[in-house]
């Protein structure tokens, strides 16, 4: 009976930890995507996309520490590099390079979201 209770407590703990990690990852990706959309909109409208890109970089710097508990460091580093490149290209006149960085960040965030959600694909 003691083993069953211990197993049940451990099971509840694992489910709770997974739920918290999934919530945090989803929230971080959602906030980041919102700022990416704002940055893209500012660039299209001739606004100051650099300020939005810097705000995105600050947000990611704040979120990357806790995310490193749940997501591989390679994924976090790739996103950080792409955001740094976005800051550079947000000042450039070449729209294709800017859009390429935006789409790259969106794709990387989508990968992080997909890799952490529970599905048969992520299990096997």
PDB file of N, CA and C in Angstrom:
ATOM      1  N   UNK A   1       0.826  -1.196   0.000  1.00  0.00           N
ATOM      2  CA  UNK A   1       0.000   0.000   0.000  1.00  0.00           C
ATOM      3  C   UNK A   1       0.870   1.260   0.000  1.00  0.00           C
ATOM      4  N   UNK A   2       1.991   1.203   0.745  1.00  0.00           N
ATOM      5  CA  UNK A   2       2.871   2.367   0.802  1.00  0.00           C
ATOM      6  C   UNK A   2       3.453   2.669  -0.578  1.00  0.00           C
ATOM      7  N   UNK A   3       3.759   1.628  -1.331  1.00  0.00           N
ATOM      8  CA  UNK A   3       4.320   1.824  -2.672  1.00  0.00           C
ATOM      9  C   UNK A   3       3.294   2.452  -3.606  1.00  0.00           C
ATOM     10  N   UNK A   4       2.064   2.049  -3.463  1.00  0.00           N
ATOM     11  CA  UNK A   4       1.003   2.600  -4.291  1.00  0.00           C
ATOM     12  C   UNK A   4       0.799   4.083  -3.992  1.00  0.00           C
ATOM     13  N   UNK A   5       0.833   4.439  -2.732  1.00  0.00           N
ATOM     14  CA  UNK A   5       0.694   5.847  -2.350  1.00  0.00           C
ATOM     15  C   UNK A   5       1.888   6.652  -2.853  1.00  0.00           C
ATOM     16  N   UNK A   6       3.075   6.097  -2.706  1.00  0.00           N
ATOM     17  CA  UNK A   6       4.275   6.783  -3.205  1.00  0.00           C
ATOM     18  C   UNK A   6       4.207   6.965  -4.716  1.00  0.00           C
ATOM     19  N   UNK A   7       3.767   5.942  -5.422  1.00  0.00           N
ATOM     20  CA  UNK A   7       3.647   6.025  -6.880  1.00  0.00           C
ATOM     21  C   UNK A   7       2.602   7.061  -7.280  1.00  0.00           C
ATOM     22  N   UNK A   8       1.497   7.113  -6.555  1.00  0.00           N
ATOM     23  CA  UNK A   8       0.448   8.088  -6.854  1.00  0.00           C
ATOM     24  C   UNK A   8       0.943   9.513  -6.619  1.00  0.00           C
ATOM     25  N   UNK A   9       1.663   9.723  -5.533  1.00  0.00           N
ATOM     26  CA  UNK A   9       2.214  11.051  -5.239  1.00  0.00           C
ATOM     27  C   UNK A   9       3.216  11.454  -6.314  1.00  0.00           C
ATOM     28  N   UNK A  10       4.060  10.529  -6.704  1.00  0.00           N
ATOM     29  CA  UNK A  10       5.040  10.801  -7.754  1.00  0.00           C
ATOM     30  C   UNK A  10       4.343  11.099  -9.080  1.00  0.00           C
ATOM     31  N   UNK A  11       3.311  10.349  -9.394  1.00  0.00           N
ATOM     32  CA  UNK A  11       2.551  10.573 -10.623  1.00  0.00           C
ATOM     33  C   UNK A  11       1.919  11.962 -10.632  1.00  0.00           C
ATOM     34  N   UNK A  12       1.313  12.348  -9.533  1.00  0.00           N
ATOM     35  CA  UNK A  12       0.699  13.679  -9.429  1.00  0.00           C
ATOM     36  C   UNK A  12       1.767  14.767  -9.569  1.00  0.00           C
ATOM     37  N   UNK A  13       2.914  14.554  -8.961  1.00  0.00           N
ATOM     38  CA  UNK A  13       4.007  15.523  -9.062  1.00  0.00           C
ATOM     39  C   UNK A  13       4.482  15.678 -10.510  1.00  0.00           C
ATOM     40  N   UNK A  14       4.635  14.570 -11.214  1.00  0.00           N
ATOM     41  CA  UNK A  14       5.088  14.615 -12.610  1.00  0.00           C
ATOM     42  C   UNK A  14       4.061  15.327 -13.487  1.00  0.00           C
ATOM     43  N   UNK A  15       2.800  15.024 -13.306  1.00  0.00           N
ATOM     44  CA  UNK A  15       1.744  15.681 -14.084  1.00  0.00           C
ATOM     45  C   UNK A  15       1.708  17.176 -13.775  1.00  0.00           C
ATOM     46  N   UNK A  16       1.846  17.549 -12.521  1.00  0.00           N
ATOM     47  CA  UNK A  16       1.850  18.967 -12.146  1.00  0.00           C
ATOM     48  C   UNK A  16       3.058  19.685 -12.746  1.00  0.00           C
ATOM     49  N   UNK A  17       4.227  19.052 -12.685  1.00  0.00           N
ATOM     50  CA  UNK A  17       5.436  19.662 -13.253  1.00  0.00           C
ATOM     51  C   UNK A  17       5.296  19.832 -14.761  1.00  0.00           C
ATOM     52  N   UNK A  18       4.744  18.837 -15.427  1.00  0.00           N
ATOM     53  CA  UNK A  18       4.535  18.941 -16.872  1.00  0.00           C
ATOM     54  C   UNK A  18       3.546  20.059 -17.194  1.00  0.00           C
ATOM     55  N   UNK A  19       2.484  20.153 -16.419  1.00  0.00           N
ATOM     56  CA  UNK A  19       1.479  21.193 -16.657  1.00  0.00           C
ATOM     57  C   UNK A  19       2.067  22.585 -16.481  1.00  0.00           C
ATOM     58  N   UNK A  20       2.857  22.767 -15.439  1.00  0.00           N
ATOM     59  CA  UNK A  20       3.490  24.070 -15.202  1.00  0.00           C
ATOM     60  C   UNK A  20       4.469  24.398 -16.321  1.00  0.00           C
ATOM     61  N   UNK A  21       5.260  23.429 -16.733  1.00  0.00           N
ATOM     62  CA  UNK A  21       6.227  23.688 -17.805  1.00  0.00           C
ATOM     63  C   UNK A  21       5.518  23.993 -19.115  1.00  0.00           C
ATOM     64  N   UNK A  22       4.467  23.265 -19.419  1.00  0.00           N
ATOM     65  CA  UNK A  22       3.706  23.520 -20.640  1.00  0.00           C
ATOM     66  C   UNK A  22       3.072  24.906 -20.603  1.00  0.00           C
ATOM     67  N   UNK A  23       2.520  25.287 -19.464  1.00  0.00           N
ATOM     68  CA  UNK A  23       1.926  26.613 -19.330  1.00  0.00           C
ATOM     69  C   UNK A  23       2.986  27.699 -19.532  1.00  0.00           C
ATOM     70  N   UNK A  24       4.150  27.543 -18.910  1.00  0.00           N
ATOM     71  CA  UNK A  24       5.193  28.565 -19.017  1.00  0.00           C
ATOM     72  C   UNK A  24       5.712  28.676 -20.448  1.00  0.00           C
ATOM     73  N   UNK A  25       5.946  27.551 -21.085  1.00  0.00           N
ATOM     74  CA  UNK A  25       6.448  27.570 -22.461  1.00  0.00           C
ATOM     75  C   UNK A  25       5.419  28.204 -23.390  1.00  0.00           C
ATOM     76  N   UNK A  26       4.165  27.827 -23.243  1.00  0.00           N
ATOM     77  CA  UNK A  26       3.107  28.391 -24.078  1.00  0.00           C
ATOM     78  C   UNK A  26       2.987  29.891 -23.865  1.00  0.00           C
ATOM     79  N   UNK A  27       3.041  30.322 -22.622  1.00  0.00           N
ATOM     80  CA  UNK A  27       2.948  31.747 -22.309  1.00  0.00           C
ATOM     81  C   UNK A  27       4.136  32.526 -22.874  1.00  0.00           C
ATOM     82  N   UNK A  28       5.330  31.987 -22.727  1.00  0.00           N
ATOM     83  CA  UNK A  28       6.529  32.660 -23.240  1.00  0.00           C
ATOM     84  C   UNK A  28       6.487  32.761 -24.760  1.00  0.00           C
ATOM     85  N   UNK A  29       6.076  31.700 -25.421  1.00  0.00           N
ATOM     86  CA  UNK A  29       5.984  31.725 -26.883  1.00  0.00           C
ATOM     87  C   UNK A  29       4.906  32.701 -27.350  1.00  0.00           C
ATOM     88  N   UNK A  30       3.802  32.740 -26.629  1.00  0.00           N
ATOM     89  CA  UNK A  30       2.709  33.652 -26.989  1.00  0.00           C
ATOM     90  C   UNK A  30       3.153  35.112 -26.850  1.00  0.00           C
ATOM     91  N   UNK A  31       3.796  35.449 -25.744  1.00  0.00           N
ATOM     92  CA  UNK A  31       4.295  36.815 -25.554  1.00  0.00           C
ATOM     93  C   UNK A  31       5.312  37.185 -26.625  1.00  0.00           C
ATOM     94  N   UNK A  32       6.198  36.250 -26.928  1.00  0.00           N
ATOM     95  CA  UNK A  32       7.231  36.499 -27.929  1.00  0.00           C
ATOM     96  C   UNK A  32       6.608  36.692 -29.303  1.00  0.00           C
ATOM     97  N   UNK A  33       5.642  35.861 -29.662  1.00  0.00           N
ATOM     98  CA  UNK A  33       4.975  36.000 -30.961  1.00  0.00           C
ATOM     99  C   UNK A  33       4.236  37.325 -31.066  1.00  0.00           C
ATOM    100  N   UNK A  34       3.642  37.775 -29.971  1.00  0.00           N
ATOM    101  CA  UNK A  34       2.958  39.067 -29.980  1.00  0.00           C
ATOM    102  C   UNK A  34       3.938  40.189 -30.286  1.00  0.00           C
ATOM    103  N   UNK A  35       5.092  40.174 -29.632  1.00  0.00           N
ATOM    104  CA  UNK A  35       6.099  41.208 -29.898  1.00  0.00           C
ATOM    105  C   UNK A  35       6.675  41.089 -31.306  1.00  0.00           C
ATOM    106  N   UNK A  36       6.801  39.887 -31.818  1.00  0.00           N
ATOM    107  CA  UNK A  36       7.278  39.707 -33.191  1.00  0.00           C
ATOM    108  C   UNK A  36       6.287  40.329 -34.167  1.00  0.00           C
ATOM    109  N   UNK A  37       5.001  40.092 -33.945  1.00  0.00           N
ATOM    110  CA  UNK A  37       3.981  40.683 -34.810  1.00  0.00           C
ATOM    111  C   UNK A  37       4.008  42.207 -34.733  1.00  0.00           C
ATOM    112  N   UNK A  38       4.198  42.744 -33.532  1.00  0.00           N
ATOM    113  CA  UNK A  38       4.286  44.196 -33.373  1.00  0.00           C
ATOM    114  C   UNK A  38       5.511  44.751 -34.094  1.00  0.00           C
ATOM    115  N   UNK A  39       6.614  44.038 -34.011  1.00  0.00           N
ATOM    116  CA  UNK A  39       7.844  44.456 -34.680  1.00  0.00           C
ATOM    117  C   UNK A  39       7.656  44.434 -36.197  1.00  0.00           C
ATOM    118  N   UNK A  40       7.029  43.389 -36.684  1.00  0.00           N
ATOM    119  CA  UNK A  40       6.773  43.274 -38.120  1.00  0.00           C
ATOM    120  C   UNK A  40       5.843  44.385 -38.596  1.00  0.00           C
ATOM    121  N   UNK A  41       4.828  44.670 -37.811  1.00  0.00           N
ATOM    122  CA  UNK A  41       3.882  45.738 -38.154  1.00  0.00           C
ATOM    123  C   UNK A  41       4.572  47.100 -38.152  1.00  0.00           C
ATOM    124  N   UNK A  42       5.428  47.328 -37.170  1.00  0.00           N
ATOM    125  CA  UNK A  42       6.164  48.597 -37.104  1.00  0.00           C
ATOM    126  C   UNK A  42       7.079  48.752 -38.314  1.00  0.00           C
ATOM    127  N   UNK A  43       7.692  47.673 -38.749  1.00  0.00           N
ATOM    128  CA  UNK A  43       8.577  47.731 -39.921  1.00  0.00           C
ATOM    129  C   UNK A  43       7.777  48.033 -41.182  1.00  0.00           C
ATOM    130  N   UNK A  44       6.607  47.393 -41.318  1.00  0.00           N
ATOM    131  CA  UNK A  44       5.757  47.622 -42.494  1.00  0.00           C
ATOM    132  C   UNK A  44       5.260  49.061 -42.553  1.00  0.00           C
ATOM    133  N   UNK A  45       4.910  49.612 -41.399  1.00  0.00           N
ATOM    134  CA  UNK A  45       4.352  50.961 -41.344  1.00  0.00           C
ATOM    135  C   UNK A  45       5.414  52.044 -41.285  1.00  0.00           C
ATOM    136  N   UNK A  46       6.666  51.657 -41.377  1.00  0.00           N
ATOM    137  CA  UNK A  46       7.737  52.646 -41.339  1.00  0.00           C
ATOM    138  C   UNK A  46       8.021  53.163 -39.943  1.00  0.00           C
ATOM    139  N   UNK A  47       7.514  52.473 -38.937  1.00  0.00           N
ATOM    140  CA  UNK A  47       7.758  52.865 -37.550  1.00  0.00           C
ATOM    141  C   UNK A  47       9.134  52.417 -37.099  1.00  0.00           C
ATOM    142  N   UNK A  48       9.357  52.523 -35.822  1.00  0.00           N
ATOM    143  CA  UNK A  48      10.669  52.161 -35.297  1.00  0.00           C
ATOM    144  C   UNK A  48      10.684  50.684 -34.903  1.00  0.00           C
ATOM    145  N   UNK A  49      10.987  49.852 -35.865  1.00  0.00           N
ATOM    146  CA  UNK A  49      11.037  48.409 -35.628  1.00  0.00           C
ATOM    147  C   UNK A  49      12.205  48.045 -34.726  1.00  0.00           C
ATOM    148  N   UNK A  50      13.239  48.882 -34.717  1.00  0.00           N
ATOM    149  CA  UNK A  50      14.405  48.588 -33.881  1.00  0.00           C
ATOM    150  C   UNK A  50      14.023  48.591 -32.401  1.00  0.00           C
ATOM    151  N   UNK A  51      13.194  49.556 -31.987  1.00  0.00           N
ATOM    152  CA  UNK A  51      12.752  49.597 -30.585  1.00  0.00           C
ATOM    153  C   UNK A  51      11.960  48.341 -30.221  1.00  0.00           C
ATOM    154  N   UNK A  52      11.104  47.909 -31.130  1.00  0.00           N
ATOM    155  CA  UNK A  52      10.327  46.686 -30.884  1.00  0.00           C
ATOM    156  C   UNK A  52      11.247  45.460 -30.839  1.00  0.00           C
ATOM    157  N   UNK A  53      12.255  45.448 -31.698  1.00  0.00           N
ATOM    158  CA  UNK A  53      13.205  44.329 -31.697  1.00  0.00           C
ATOM    159  C   UNK A  53      14.008  44.309 -30.397  1.00  0.00           C
ATOM    160  N   UNK A  54      14.377  45.484 -29.909  1.00  0.00           N
ATOM    161  CA  UNK A  54      15.092  45.554 -28.629  1.00  0.00           C
ATOM    162  C   UNK A  54      14.192  45.118 -27.473  1.00  0.00           C
ATOM    163  N   UNK A  55      12.923  45.499 -27.541  1.00  0.00           N
ATOM    164  CA  UNK A  55      11.966  45.063 -26.519  1.00  0.00           C
ATOM    165  C   UNK A  55      11.814  43.538 -26.557  1.00  0.00           C
ATOM    166  N   UNK A  56      11.797  42.989 -27.759  1.00  0.00           N
ATOM    167  CA  UNK A  56      11.736  41.539 -27.930  1.00  0.00           C
ATOM    168  C   UNK A  56      12.974  40.873 -27.342  1.00  0.00           C
ATOM    169  N   UNK A  57      14.121  41.471 -27.571  1.00  0.00           N
ATOM    170  CA  UNK A  57      15.371  40.919 -27.033  1.00  0.00           C
ATOM    171  C   UNK A  57      15.365  40.944 -25.502  1.00  0.00           C
ATOM    172  N   UNK A  58      14.873  42.035 -24.915  1.00  0.00           N
ATOM    173  CA  UNK A  58      14.791  42.116 -23.447  1.00  0.00           C
ATOM    174  C   UNK A  58      13.832  41.066 -22.894  1.00  0.00           C
ATOM    175  N   UNK A  59      12.697  40.892 -23.569  1.00  0.00           N
ATOM    176  CA  UNK A  59      11.738  39.874 -23.134  1.00  0.00           C
ATOM    177  C   UNK A  59      12.370  38.487 -23.194  1.00  0.00           C
ATOM    178  N   UNK A  60      13.063  38.201 -24.280  1.00  0.00           N
ATOM    179  CA  UNK A  60      13.672  36.878 -24.420  1.00  0.00           C
ATOM    180  C   UNK A  60      14.770  36.666 -23.384  1.00  0.00           C
ATOM    181  N   UNK A  61      15.543  37.708 -23.100  1.00  0.00           N
ATOM    182  CA  UNK A  61      16.579  37.592 -22.069  1.00  0.00           C
ATOM    183  C   UNK A  61      15.966  37.253 -20.718  1.00  0.00           C
ATOM    184  N   UNK A  62      14.784  37.812 -20.458  1.00  0.00           N
ATOM    185  CA  UNK A  62      14.095  37.541 -19.197  1.00  0.00           C
ATOM    186  C   UNK A  62      13.514  36.119 -19.167  1.00  0.00           C
ATOM    187  N   UNK A  63      13.025  35.649 -20.295  1.00  0.00           N
ATOM    188  CA  UNK A  63      12.346  34.351 -20.350  1.00  0.00           C
ATOM    189  C   UNK A  63      13.296  33.170 -20.548  1.00  0.00           C
ATOM    190  N   UNK A  64      14.486  33.408 -21.103  1.00  0.00           N
ATOM    191  CA  UNK A  64      15.333  32.280 -21.480  1.00  0.00           C
ATOM    192  C   UNK A  64      15.884  31.493 -20.292  1.00  0.00           C
ATOM    193  N   UNK A  65      16.094  32.131 -19.163  1.00  0.00           N
ATOM    194  CA  UNK A  65      16.598  31.415 -17.993  1.00  0.00           C
ATOM    195  C   UNK A  65      15.647  30.324 -17.530  1.00  0.00           C
ATOM    196  N   UNK A  66      14.400  30.688 -17.216  1.00  0.00           N
ATOM    197  CA  UNK A  66      13.451  29.638 -16.822  1.00  0.00           C
ATOM    198  C   UNK A  66      13.154  28.637 -17.942  1.00  0.00           C
ATOM    199  N   UNK A  67      13.168  29.100 -19.192  1.00  0.00           N
ATOM    200  CA  UNK A  67      12.907  28.180 -20.300  1.00  0.00           C
ATOM    201  C   UNK A  67      13.974  27.101 -20.422  1.00  0.00           C
ATOM    202  N   UNK A  68      15.181  27.414 -19.978  1.00  0.00           N
ATOM    203  CA  UNK A  68      16.268  26.442 -20.108  1.00  0.00           C
ATOM    204  C   UNK A  68      16.040  25.197 -19.248  1.00  0.00           C
ATOM    205  N   UNK A  69      15.118  25.275 -18.296  1.00  0.00           N
ATOM    206  CA  UNK A  69      14.767  24.087 -17.516  1.00  0.00           C
ATOM    207  C   UNK A  69      13.908  23.121 -18.332  1.00  0.00           C
ATOM    208  N   UNK A  70      13.166  23.659 -19.302  1.00  0.00           N
ATOM    209  CA  UNK A  70      12.179  22.860 -20.019  1.00  0.00           C
ATOM    210  C   UNK A  70      12.533  22.587 -21.477  1.00  0.00           C
ATOM    211  N   UNK A  71      13.372  23.431 -22.068  1.00  0.00           N
ATOM    212  CA  UNK A  71      13.661  23.365 -23.502  1.00  0.00           C
ATOM    213  C   UNK A  71      15.162  23.162 -23.682  1.00  0.00           C
ATOM    214  N   UNK A  72      15.549  22.507 -24.760  1.00  0.00           N
ATOM    215  CA  UNK A  72      16.971  22.287 -25.013  1.00  0.00           C
ATOM    216  C   UNK A  72      17.687  23.620 -25.209  1.00  0.00           C
ATOM    217  N   UNK A  73      18.908  23.661 -24.775  1.00  0.00           N
ATOM    218  CA  UNK A  73      19.691  24.895 -24.855  1.00  0.00           C
ATOM    219  C   UNK A  73      19.955  25.291 -26.304  1.00  0.00           C
ATOM    220  N   UNK A  74      20.058  24.319 -27.180  1.00  0.00           N
ATOM    221  CA  UNK A  74      20.275  24.629 -28.593  1.00  0.00           C
ATOM    222  C   UNK A  74      19.119  25.441 -29.163  1.00  0.00           C
ATOM    223  N   UNK A  75      17.907  25.062 -28.818  1.00  0.00           N
ATOM    224  CA  UNK A  75      16.730  25.785 -29.311  1.00  0.00           C
ATOM    225  C   UNK A  75      16.715  27.214 -28.786  1.00  0.00           C
ATOM    226  N   UNK A  76      17.021  27.363 -27.516  1.00  0.00           N
ATOM    227  CA  UNK A  76      17.041  28.697 -26.916  1.00  0.00           C
ATOM    228  C   UNK A  76      18.119  29.554 -27.559  1.00  0.00           C
ATOM    229  N   UNK A  77      19.291  28.965 -27.784  1.00  0.00           N
ATOM    230  CA  UNK A  77      20.385  29.714 -28.406  1.00  0.00           C
ATOM    231  C   UNK A  77      20.061  30.110 -29.842  1.00  0.00           C
ATOM    232  N   UNK A  78      19.396  29.224 -30.588  1.00  0.00           N
ATOM    233  CA  UNK A  78      19.009  29.550 -31.961  1.00  0.00           C
ATOM    234  C   UNK A  78      18.038  30.725 -31.991  1.00  0.00           C
ATOM    235  N   UNK A  79      17.083  30.723 -31.082  1.00  0.00           N
ATOM    236  CA  UNK A  79      16.112  31.818 -31.030  1.00  0.00           C
ATOM    237  C   UNK A  79      16.808  33.108 -30.622  1.00  0.00           C
ATOM    238  N   UNK A  80      17.701  33.032 -29.658  1.00  0.00           N
ATOM    239  CA  UNK A  80      18.434  34.222 -29.223  1.00  0.00           C
ATOM    240  C   UNK A  80      19.273  34.798 -30.361  1.00  0.00           C
ATOM    241  N   UNK A  81      19.923  33.938 -31.121  1.00  0.00           N
ATOM    242  CA  UNK A  81      20.715  34.389 -32.265  1.00  0.00           C
ATOM    243  C   UNK A  81      19.824  35.038 -33.319  1.00  0.00           C
ATOM    244  N   UNK A  82      18.680  34.428 -33.591  1.00  0.00           N
ATOM    245  CA  UNK A  82      17.756  34.982 -34.583  1.00  0.00           C
ATOM    246  C   UNK A  82      17.215  36.338 -34.139  1.00  0.00           C
ATOM    247  N   UNK A  83      16.958  36.503 -32.852  1.00  0.00           N
ATOM    248  CA  UNK A  83      16.479  37.790 -32.344  1.00  0.00           C
ATOM    249  C   UNK A  83      17.576  38.839 -32.451  1.00  0.00           C
ATOM    250  N   UNK A  84      18.810  38.459 -32.180  1.00  0.00           N
ATOM    251  CA  UNK A  84      19.931  39.395 -32.334  1.00  0.00           C
ATOM    252  C   UNK A  84      20.076  39.829 -33.787  1.00  0.00           C
ATOM    253  N   UNK A  85      19.932  38.886 -34.708  1.00  0.00           N
ATOM    254  CA  UNK A  85      19.985  39.230 -36.125  1.00  0.00           C
ATOM    255  C   UNK A  85      18.827  40.142 -36.505  1.00  0.00           C
ATOM    256  N   UNK A  86      17.666  39.901 -35.911  1.00  0.00           N
ATOM    257  CA  UNK A  86      16.505  40.746 -36.185  1.00  0.00           C
ATOM    258  C   UNK A  86      16.774  42.184 -35.769  1.00  0.00           C
ATOM    259  N   UNK A  87      17.450  42.363 -34.638  1.00  0.00           N
ATOM    260  CA  UNK A  87      17.789  43.716 -34.188  1.00  0.00           C
ATOM    261  C   UNK A  87      18.656  44.425 -35.223  1.00  0.00           C
ATOM    262  N   UNK A  88      19.582  43.702 -35.810  1.00  0.00           N
ATOM    263  CA  UNK A  88      20.460  44.294 -36.825  1.00  0.00           C
ATOM    264  C   UNK A  88      19.671  44.626 -38.086  1.00  0.00           C
ATOM    265  N   UNK A  89      18.873  43.683 -38.549  1.00  0.00           N
ATOM    266  CA  UNK A  89      18.142  43.878 -39.801  1.00  0.00           C
ATOM    267  C   UNK A  89      16.941  44.804 -39.651  1.00  0.00           C
ATOM    268  N   UNK A  90      16.529  45.106 -38.439  1.00  0.00           N
ATOM    269  CA  UNK A  90      15.414  46.042 -38.265  1.00  0.00           C
ATOM    270  C   UNK A  90      15.818  47.462 -38.639  1.00  0.00           C
ATOM    271  N   UNK A  91      17.123  47.734 -38.651  1.00  0.00           N
ATOM    272  CA  UNK A  91      17.614  49.049 -39.070  1.00  0.00           C
ATOM    273  C   UNK A  91      17.903  49.090 -40.568  1.00  0.00           C
ATOM    274  N   UNK A  92      17.997  47.928 -41.191  1.00  0.00           N
ATOM    275  CA  UNK A  92      18.381  47.856 -42.602  1.00  0.00           C
ATOM    276  C   UNK A  92      17.196  48.201 -43.504  1.00  0.00           C
ATOM    277  N   UNK A  93      17.527  48.554 -44.712  1.00  0.00           N
ATOM    278  CA  UNK A  93      16.503  48.891 -45.696  1.00  0.00           C
ATOM    279  C   UNK A  93      15.989  47.654 -46.439  1.00  0.00           C
ATOM    280  N   UNK A  94      16.738  46.573 -46.386  1.00  0.00           N
ATOM    281  CA  UNK A  94      16.380  45.365 -47.128  1.00  0.00           C
ATOM    282  C   UNK A  94      15.260  44.613 -46.412  1.00  0.00           C
ATOM    283  N   UNK A  95      14.066  44.688 -46.972  1.00  0.00           N
ATOM    284  CA  UNK A  95      12.888  44.105 -46.341  1.00  0.00           C
ATOM    285  C   UNK A  95      12.930  42.575 -46.337  1.00  0.00           C
ATOM    286  N   UNK A  96      13.506  41.978 -47.369  1.00  0.00           N
ATOM    287  CA  UNK A  96      13.542  40.514 -47.448  1.00  0.00           C
ATOM    288  C   UNK A  96      14.354  39.902 -46.314  1.00  0.00           C
ATOM    289  N   UNK A  97      15.483  40.517 -45.968  1.00  0.00           N
ATOM    290  CA  UNK A  97      16.296  40.002 -44.859  1.00  0.00           C
ATOM    291  C   UNK A  97      15.544  40.097 -43.536  1.00  0.00           C
ATOM    292  N   UNK A  98      14.853  41.206 -43.347  1.00  0.00           N
ATOM    293  CA  UNK A  98      14.071  41.394 -42.125  1.00  0.00           C
ATOM    294  C   UNK A  98      12.968  40.340 -42.036  1.00  0.00           C
ATOM    295  N   UNK A  99      12.230  40.160 -43.121  1.00  0.00           N
ATOM    296  CA  UNK A  99      11.137  39.186 -43.123  1.00  0.00           C
ATOM    297  C   UNK A  99      11.653  37.761 -42.928  1.00  0.00           C
ATOM    298  N   UNK A 100      12.817  37.493 -43.483  1.00  0.00           N
ATOM    299  CA  UNK A 100      13.415  36.165 -43.311  1.00  0.00           C
ATOM    300  C   UNK A 100      13.704  35.892 -41.839  1.00  0.00           C
ATOM    301  N   UNK A 101      14.216  36.887 -41.127  1.00  0.00           N
ATOM    302  CA  UNK A 101      14.499  36.720 -39.693  1.00  0.00           C
ATOM    303  C   UNK A 101      13.212  36.561 -38.898  1.00  0.00           C
ATOM    304  N   UNK A 102      12.195  37.335 -39.256  1.00  0.00           N
ATOM    305  CA  UNK A 102      10.896  37.228 -38.577  1.00  0.00           C
ATOM    306  C   UNK A 102      10.341  35.811 -38.742  1.00  0.00           C
ATOM    307  N   UNK A 103      10.341  35.320 -39.962  1.00  0.00           N
ATOM    308  CA  UNK A 103       9.807  33.978 -40.223  1.00  0.00           C
ATOM    309  C   UNK A 103      10.646  32.900 -39.548  1.00  0.00           C
ATOM    310  N   UNK A 104      11.940  33.108 -39.480  1.00  0.00           N
ATOM    311  CA  UNK A 104      12.823  32.158 -38.800  1.00  0.00           C
ATOM    312  C   UNK A 104      12.479  32.071 -37.310  1.00  0.00           C
ATOM    313  N   UNK A 105      12.282  33.208 -36.681  1.00  0.00           N
ATOM    314  CA  UNK A 105      11.927  33.217 -35.252  1.00  0.00           C
ATOM    315  C   UNK A 105      10.572  32.551 -35.039  1.00  0.00           C
ATOM    316  N   UNK A 106       9.608  32.864 -35.899  1.00  0.00           N
ATOM    317  CA  UNK A 106       8.288  32.239 -35.774  1.00  0.00           C
ATOM    318  C   UNK A 106       8.388  30.718 -35.906  1.00  0.00           C
ATOM    319  N   UNK A 107       9.198  30.260 -36.853  1.00  0.00           N
ATOM    320  CA  UNK A 107       9.365  28.825 -37.061  1.00  0.00           C
ATOM    321  C   UNK A 107      10.026  28.175 -35.843  1.00  0.00           C
ATOM    322  N   UNK A 108      11.050  28.822 -35.296  1.00  0.00           N
ATOM    323  CA  UNK A 108      11.739  28.273 -34.123  1.00  0.00           C
ATOM    324  C   UNK A 108      10.809  28.216 -32.910  1.00  0.00           C
ATOM    325  N   UNK A 109      10.001  29.245 -32.726  1.00  0.00           N
ATOM    326  CA  UNK A 109       9.040  29.239 -31.616  1.00  0.00           C
ATOM    327  C   UNK A 109       7.988  28.150 -31.811  1.00  0.00           C
ATOM    328  N   UNK A 110       7.571  27.961 -33.043  1.00  0.00           N
ATOM    329  CA  UNK A 110       6.605  26.899 -33.333  1.00  0.00           C
ATOM    330  C   UNK A 110       7.213  25.530 -33.020  1.00  0.00           C
ATOM    331  N   UNK A 111       8.477  25.354 -33.362  1.00  0.00           N
ATOM    332  CA  UNK A 111       9.160  24.093 -33.052  1.00  0.00           C
ATOM    333  C   UNK A 111       9.208  23.843 -31.551  1.00  0.00           C
ATOM    334  N   UNK A 112       9.524  24.880 -30.794  1.00  0.00           N
ATOM    335  CA  UNK A 112       9.576  24.737 -29.335  1.00  0.00           C
ATOM    336  C   UNK A 112       8.206  24.347 -28.805  1.00  0.00           C
ATOM    337  N   UNK A 113       7.167  25.010 -29.295  1.00  0.00           N
ATOM    338  CA  UNK A 113       5.808  24.687 -28.853  1.00  0.00           C
ATOM    339  C   UNK A 113       5.433  23.254 -29.215  1.00  0.00           C
ATOM    340  N   UNK A 114       5.740  22.855 -30.432  1.00  0.00           N
ATOM    341  CA  UNK A 114       5.407  21.507 -30.884  1.00  0.00           C
ATOM    342  C   UNK A 114       6.191  20.435 -30.131  1.00  0.00           C
ATOM    343  N   UNK A 115       7.443  20.715 -29.840  1.00  0.00           N
ATOM    344  CA  UNK A 115       8.279  19.726 -29.156  1.00  0.00           C
ATOM    345  C   UNK A 115       7.858  19.497 -27.711  1.00  0.00           C
ATOM    346  N   UNK A 116       7.199  20.460 -27.115  1.00  0.00           N
ATOM    347  CA  UNK A 116       6.853  20.333 -25.700  1.00  0.00           C
ATOM    348  C   UNK A 116       5.414  19.908 -25.459  1.00  0.00           C
ATOM    349  N   UNK A 117       4.568  19.967 -26.472  1.00  0.00           N
ATOM    350  CA  UNK A 117       3.195  19.519 -26.268  1.00  0.00           C
ATOM    351  C   UNK A 117       3.140  18.001 -26.322  1.00  0.00           C
ATOM    352  N   UNK A 118       2.223  17.446 -25.581  1.00  0.00           N
ATOM    353  CA  UNK A 118       2.082  15.994 -25.508  1.00  0.00           C
ATOM    354  C   UNK A 118       1.323  15.501 -26.732  1.00  0.00           C
ATOM    355  N   UNK A 119       1.981  14.681 -27.505  1.00  0.00           N
ATOM    356  CA  UNK A 119       1.349  14.048 -28.659  1.00  0.00           C
ATOM    357  C   UNK A 119       2.097  12.751 -28.944  1.00  0.00           C
ATOM    358  N   UNK A 120       1.530  11.940 -29.783  1.00  0.00           N
ATOM    359  CA  UNK A 120       2.197  10.687 -30.139  1.00  0.00           C
ATOM    360  C   UNK A 120       3.501  10.975 -30.877  1.00  0.00           C
ATOM    361  N   UNK A 121       3.518  12.057 -31.640  1.00  0.00           N
ATOM    362  CA  UNK A 121       4.727  12.439 -32.373  1.00  0.00           C
ATOM    363  C   UNK A 121       5.860  12.802 -31.408  1.00  0.00           C
ATOM    364  N   UNK A 122       5.542  13.522 -30.349  1.00  0.00           N
ATOM    365  CA  UNK A 122       6.583  13.929 -29.406  1.00  0.00           C
ATOM    366  C   UNK A 122       7.042  12.775 -28.515  1.00  0.00           C
ATOM    367  N   UNK A 123       6.207  11.765 -28.347  1.00  0.00           N
ATOM    368  CA  UNK A 123       6.581  10.619 -27.526  1.00  0.00           C
ATOM    369  C   UNK A 123       7.498   9.679 -28.299  1.00  0.00           C
ATOM    370  N   UNK A 124       7.150   9.420 -29.542  1.00  0.00           N
ATOM    371  CA  UNK A 124       7.931   8.491 -30.358  1.00  0.00           C
ATOM    372  C   UNK A 124       8.763   9.285 -31.304  1.00  0.00           C
TER     373      UNK A 124
END
